[in-house]
N, C-alpha and C. Protein backbone atom coordinates (compact mmCIF):
# COMPACT_ATOMS: atom_id res chain seq x y z
N UNK A 1 -11.83 10.95 -43.34
CA UNK A 1 -12.26 11.54 -44.60
C UNK A 1 -11.11 11.47 -45.60
N UNK A 2 -11.45 11.16 -46.82
CA UNK A 2 -10.44 11.06 -47.86
C UNK A 2 -10.30 12.40 -48.56
N UNK A 3 -9.08 12.71 -48.94
CA UNK A 3 -8.84 13.93 -49.70
C UNK A 3 -8.64 13.56 -51.16
N UNK A 4 -9.12 14.40 -52.05
CA UNK A 4 -8.99 14.14 -53.47
C UNK A 4 -7.53 14.10 -53.90
N UNK A 5 -6.71 14.92 -53.28
CA UNK A 5 -5.28 14.93 -53.64
C UNK A 5 -4.63 13.60 -53.29
N UNK A 6 -5.04 12.99 -52.18
CA UNK A 6 -4.50 11.67 -51.82
C UNK A 6 -4.99 10.60 -52.79
N UNK A 7 -6.23 10.74 -53.22
CA UNK A 7 -6.80 9.75 -54.13
C UNK A 7 -6.14 9.81 -55.51
N UNK A 8 -5.75 11.00 -55.93
CA UNK A 8 -5.13 11.14 -57.26
C UNK A 8 -3.78 10.45 -57.34
N UNK A 9 -3.14 10.23 -56.20
CA UNK A 9 -1.84 9.57 -56.18
C UNK A 9 -1.96 8.05 -56.30
N UNK A 10 -3.16 7.52 -56.09
CA UNK A 10 -3.36 6.07 -56.13
C UNK A 10 -3.59 5.60 -57.57
N UNK A 11 -3.34 4.31 -57.80
CA UNK A 11 -3.59 3.73 -59.11
C UNK A 11 -5.08 3.44 -59.25
N UNK A 12 -5.49 3.13 -60.47
CA UNK A 12 -6.90 2.82 -60.72
C UNK A 12 -7.34 1.58 -59.95
N UNK A 13 -6.47 0.58 -59.86
CA UNK A 13 -6.82 -0.64 -59.13
C UNK A 13 -7.03 -0.34 -57.65
N UNK A 14 -6.16 0.48 -57.08
CA UNK A 14 -6.31 0.85 -55.67
C UNK A 14 -7.59 1.63 -55.45
N UNK A 15 -7.93 2.48 -56.40
CA UNK A 15 -9.17 3.26 -56.28
C UNK A 15 -10.40 2.36 -56.36
N UNK A 16 -10.34 1.36 -57.24
CA UNK A 16 -11.47 0.44 -57.35
C UNK A 16 -11.65 -0.37 -56.07
N UNK A 17 -10.56 -0.77 -55.45
CA UNK A 17 -10.64 -1.49 -54.18
C UNK A 17 -11.21 -0.59 -53.09
N UNK A 18 -10.78 0.67 -53.08
CA UNK A 18 -11.29 1.62 -52.09
C UNK A 18 -12.79 1.86 -52.31
N UNK A 19 -13.19 1.91 -53.57
CA UNK A 19 -14.60 2.11 -53.89
C UNK A 19 -15.45 0.94 -53.40
N UNK A 20 -14.97 -0.26 -53.61
CA UNK A 20 -15.70 -1.44 -53.14
C UNK A 20 -15.82 -1.42 -51.62
N UNK A 21 -14.73 -1.06 -50.95
CA UNK A 21 -14.77 -0.97 -49.49
C UNK A 21 -15.76 0.07 -49.00
N UNK A 22 -15.80 1.22 -49.65
CA UNK A 22 -16.73 2.28 -49.25
C UNK A 22 -18.18 1.87 -49.52
N UNK A 23 -18.41 1.16 -50.63
CA UNK A 23 -19.77 0.71 -50.93
C UNK A 23 -20.25 -0.31 -49.90
N UNK A 24 -19.35 -1.19 -49.47
CA UNK A 24 -19.71 -2.16 -48.43
C UNK A 24 -20.00 -1.45 -47.11
N UNK A 25 -19.19 -0.44 -46.81
CA UNK A 25 -19.42 0.32 -45.59
C UNK A 25 -20.74 1.07 -45.65
N UNK A 26 -21.07 1.61 -46.82
CA UNK A 26 -22.32 2.33 -46.98
C UNK A 26 -23.51 1.40 -46.77
N UNK A 27 -23.43 0.20 -47.31
CA UNK A 27 -24.50 -0.77 -47.13
C UNK A 27 -24.68 -1.11 -45.65
N UNK A 28 -23.55 -1.35 -44.99
CA UNK A 28 -23.59 -1.68 -43.56
C UNK A 28 -24.20 -0.55 -42.75
N UNK A 29 -23.80 0.67 -43.05
CA UNK A 29 -24.33 1.83 -42.33
C UNK A 29 -25.82 2.01 -42.58
N UNK A 30 -26.25 1.78 -43.82
CA UNK A 30 -27.68 1.91 -44.13
C UNK A 30 -28.51 0.89 -43.37
N UNK A 31 -27.99 -0.33 -43.26
CA UNK A 31 -28.71 -1.37 -42.51
C UNK A 31 -28.78 -1.01 -41.03
N UNK A 32 -27.67 -0.52 -40.47
CA UNK A 32 -27.68 -0.12 -39.07
C UNK A 32 -28.63 1.05 -38.83
N UNK A 33 -28.67 1.97 -39.78
CA UNK A 33 -29.55 3.13 -39.65
C UNK A 33 -31.01 2.70 -39.67
N UNK A 34 -31.34 1.77 -40.55
CA UNK A 34 -32.73 1.35 -40.66
C UNK A 34 -33.19 0.54 -39.45
N UNK A 35 -32.26 -0.15 -38.77
CA UNK A 35 -32.63 -0.92 -37.59
C UNK A 35 -32.47 -0.13 -36.30
N UNK A 36 -31.99 1.10 -36.42
CA UNK A 36 -31.86 1.96 -35.25
C UNK A 36 -30.62 1.71 -34.43
N UNK A 37 -29.63 1.03 -34.99
CA UNK A 37 -28.41 0.71 -34.26
C UNK A 37 -27.30 1.73 -34.49
N UNK A 38 -27.53 2.68 -35.39
CA UNK A 38 -26.48 3.64 -35.74
C UNK A 38 -26.66 4.92 -34.93
N UNK A 39 -25.67 5.22 -34.10
CA UNK A 39 -25.71 6.44 -33.30
C UNK A 39 -25.10 7.62 -34.03
N UNK A 40 -24.19 7.35 -34.95
CA UNK A 40 -23.46 8.42 -35.65
C UNK A 40 -23.97 8.50 -37.09
N UNK A 41 -25.10 9.15 -37.26
CA UNK A 41 -25.75 9.19 -38.57
C UNK A 41 -24.97 10.00 -39.60
N UNK A 42 -24.03 10.83 -39.15
CA UNK A 42 -23.23 11.62 -40.08
C UNK A 42 -22.31 10.74 -40.94
N UNK A 43 -22.05 9.52 -40.48
CA UNK A 43 -21.17 8.63 -41.22
C UNK A 43 -21.77 8.22 -42.56
N UNK A 44 -23.09 8.20 -42.65
CA UNK A 44 -23.76 7.83 -43.90
C UNK A 44 -23.43 8.86 -44.98
N UNK A 45 -23.56 10.12 -44.65
CA UNK A 45 -23.28 11.19 -45.62
C UNK A 45 -21.79 11.26 -45.93
N UNK A 46 -20.96 11.05 -44.93
CA UNK A 46 -19.51 11.09 -45.13
C UNK A 46 -19.08 9.98 -46.09
N UNK A 47 -19.63 8.79 -45.92
CA UNK A 47 -19.31 7.67 -46.80
C UNK A 47 -19.79 7.96 -48.22
N UNK A 48 -20.96 8.56 -48.33
CA UNK A 48 -21.51 8.90 -49.64
C UNK A 48 -20.60 9.88 -50.38
N UNK A 49 -20.08 10.84 -49.66
CA UNK A 49 -19.18 11.83 -50.28
C UNK A 49 -17.85 11.19 -50.65
N UNK A 50 -17.37 10.25 -49.83
CA UNK A 50 -16.13 9.54 -50.18
C UNK A 50 -16.30 8.75 -51.47
N UNK A 51 -17.46 8.11 -51.63
CA UNK A 51 -17.74 7.36 -52.85
C UNK A 51 -17.73 8.31 -54.05
N UNK A 52 -18.32 9.46 -53.90
CA UNK A 52 -18.35 10.45 -54.99
C UNK A 52 -16.94 10.91 -55.33
N UNK A 53 -16.10 11.14 -54.32
CA UNK A 53 -14.72 11.56 -54.57
C UNK A 53 -13.96 10.49 -55.36
N UNK A 54 -14.12 9.24 -54.94
CA UNK A 54 -13.40 8.15 -55.62
C UNK A 54 -13.87 8.03 -57.06
N UNK A 55 -15.18 8.10 -57.27
CA UNK A 55 -15.71 8.00 -58.64
C UNK A 55 -15.24 9.16 -59.51
N UNK A 56 -15.16 10.34 -58.94
CA UNK A 56 -14.69 11.50 -59.68
C UNK A 56 -13.25 11.32 -60.14
N UNK A 57 -12.40 10.86 -59.23
CA UNK A 57 -11.00 10.67 -59.57
C UNK A 57 -10.85 9.54 -60.60
N UNK A 58 -11.65 8.48 -60.48
CA UNK A 58 -11.60 7.40 -61.47
C UNK A 58 -12.00 7.92 -62.86
N UNK A 59 -13.02 8.76 -62.91
CA UNK A 59 -13.44 9.31 -64.20
C UNK A 59 -12.37 10.25 -64.78
N UNK A 60 -11.70 10.99 -63.92
CA UNK A 60 -10.63 11.87 -64.38
C UNK A 60 -9.47 11.05 -64.94
N UNK A 61 -9.15 9.96 -64.27
CA UNK A 61 -8.07 9.10 -64.74
C UNK A 61 -8.44 8.41 -66.05
N UNK A 62 -9.70 8.07 -66.22
CA UNK A 62 -10.15 7.43 -67.45
C UNK A 62 -10.07 8.39 -68.63
N UNK A 63 -10.24 9.69 -68.36
CA UNK A 63 -10.20 10.70 -69.41
C UNK A 63 -8.79 11.06 -69.84
N UNK A 64 -7.80 10.67 -69.07
CA UNK A 64 -6.41 11.03 -69.40
C UNK A 64 -5.84 10.13 -70.46
């Protein structure tokens, strides 16, 4: 799990790369969930919250 305080220390470029990685992971998890291959369904929600954290920090940095 990512912490917002750790994310605030990263640059915007690093955050965008992390966001792309999380979106790819979310897609992969959704496909596994729909085909019944995912045993750890909590990862879908955890990834979703990580995406929200990254987007929040990006918006805060854009406002500065």
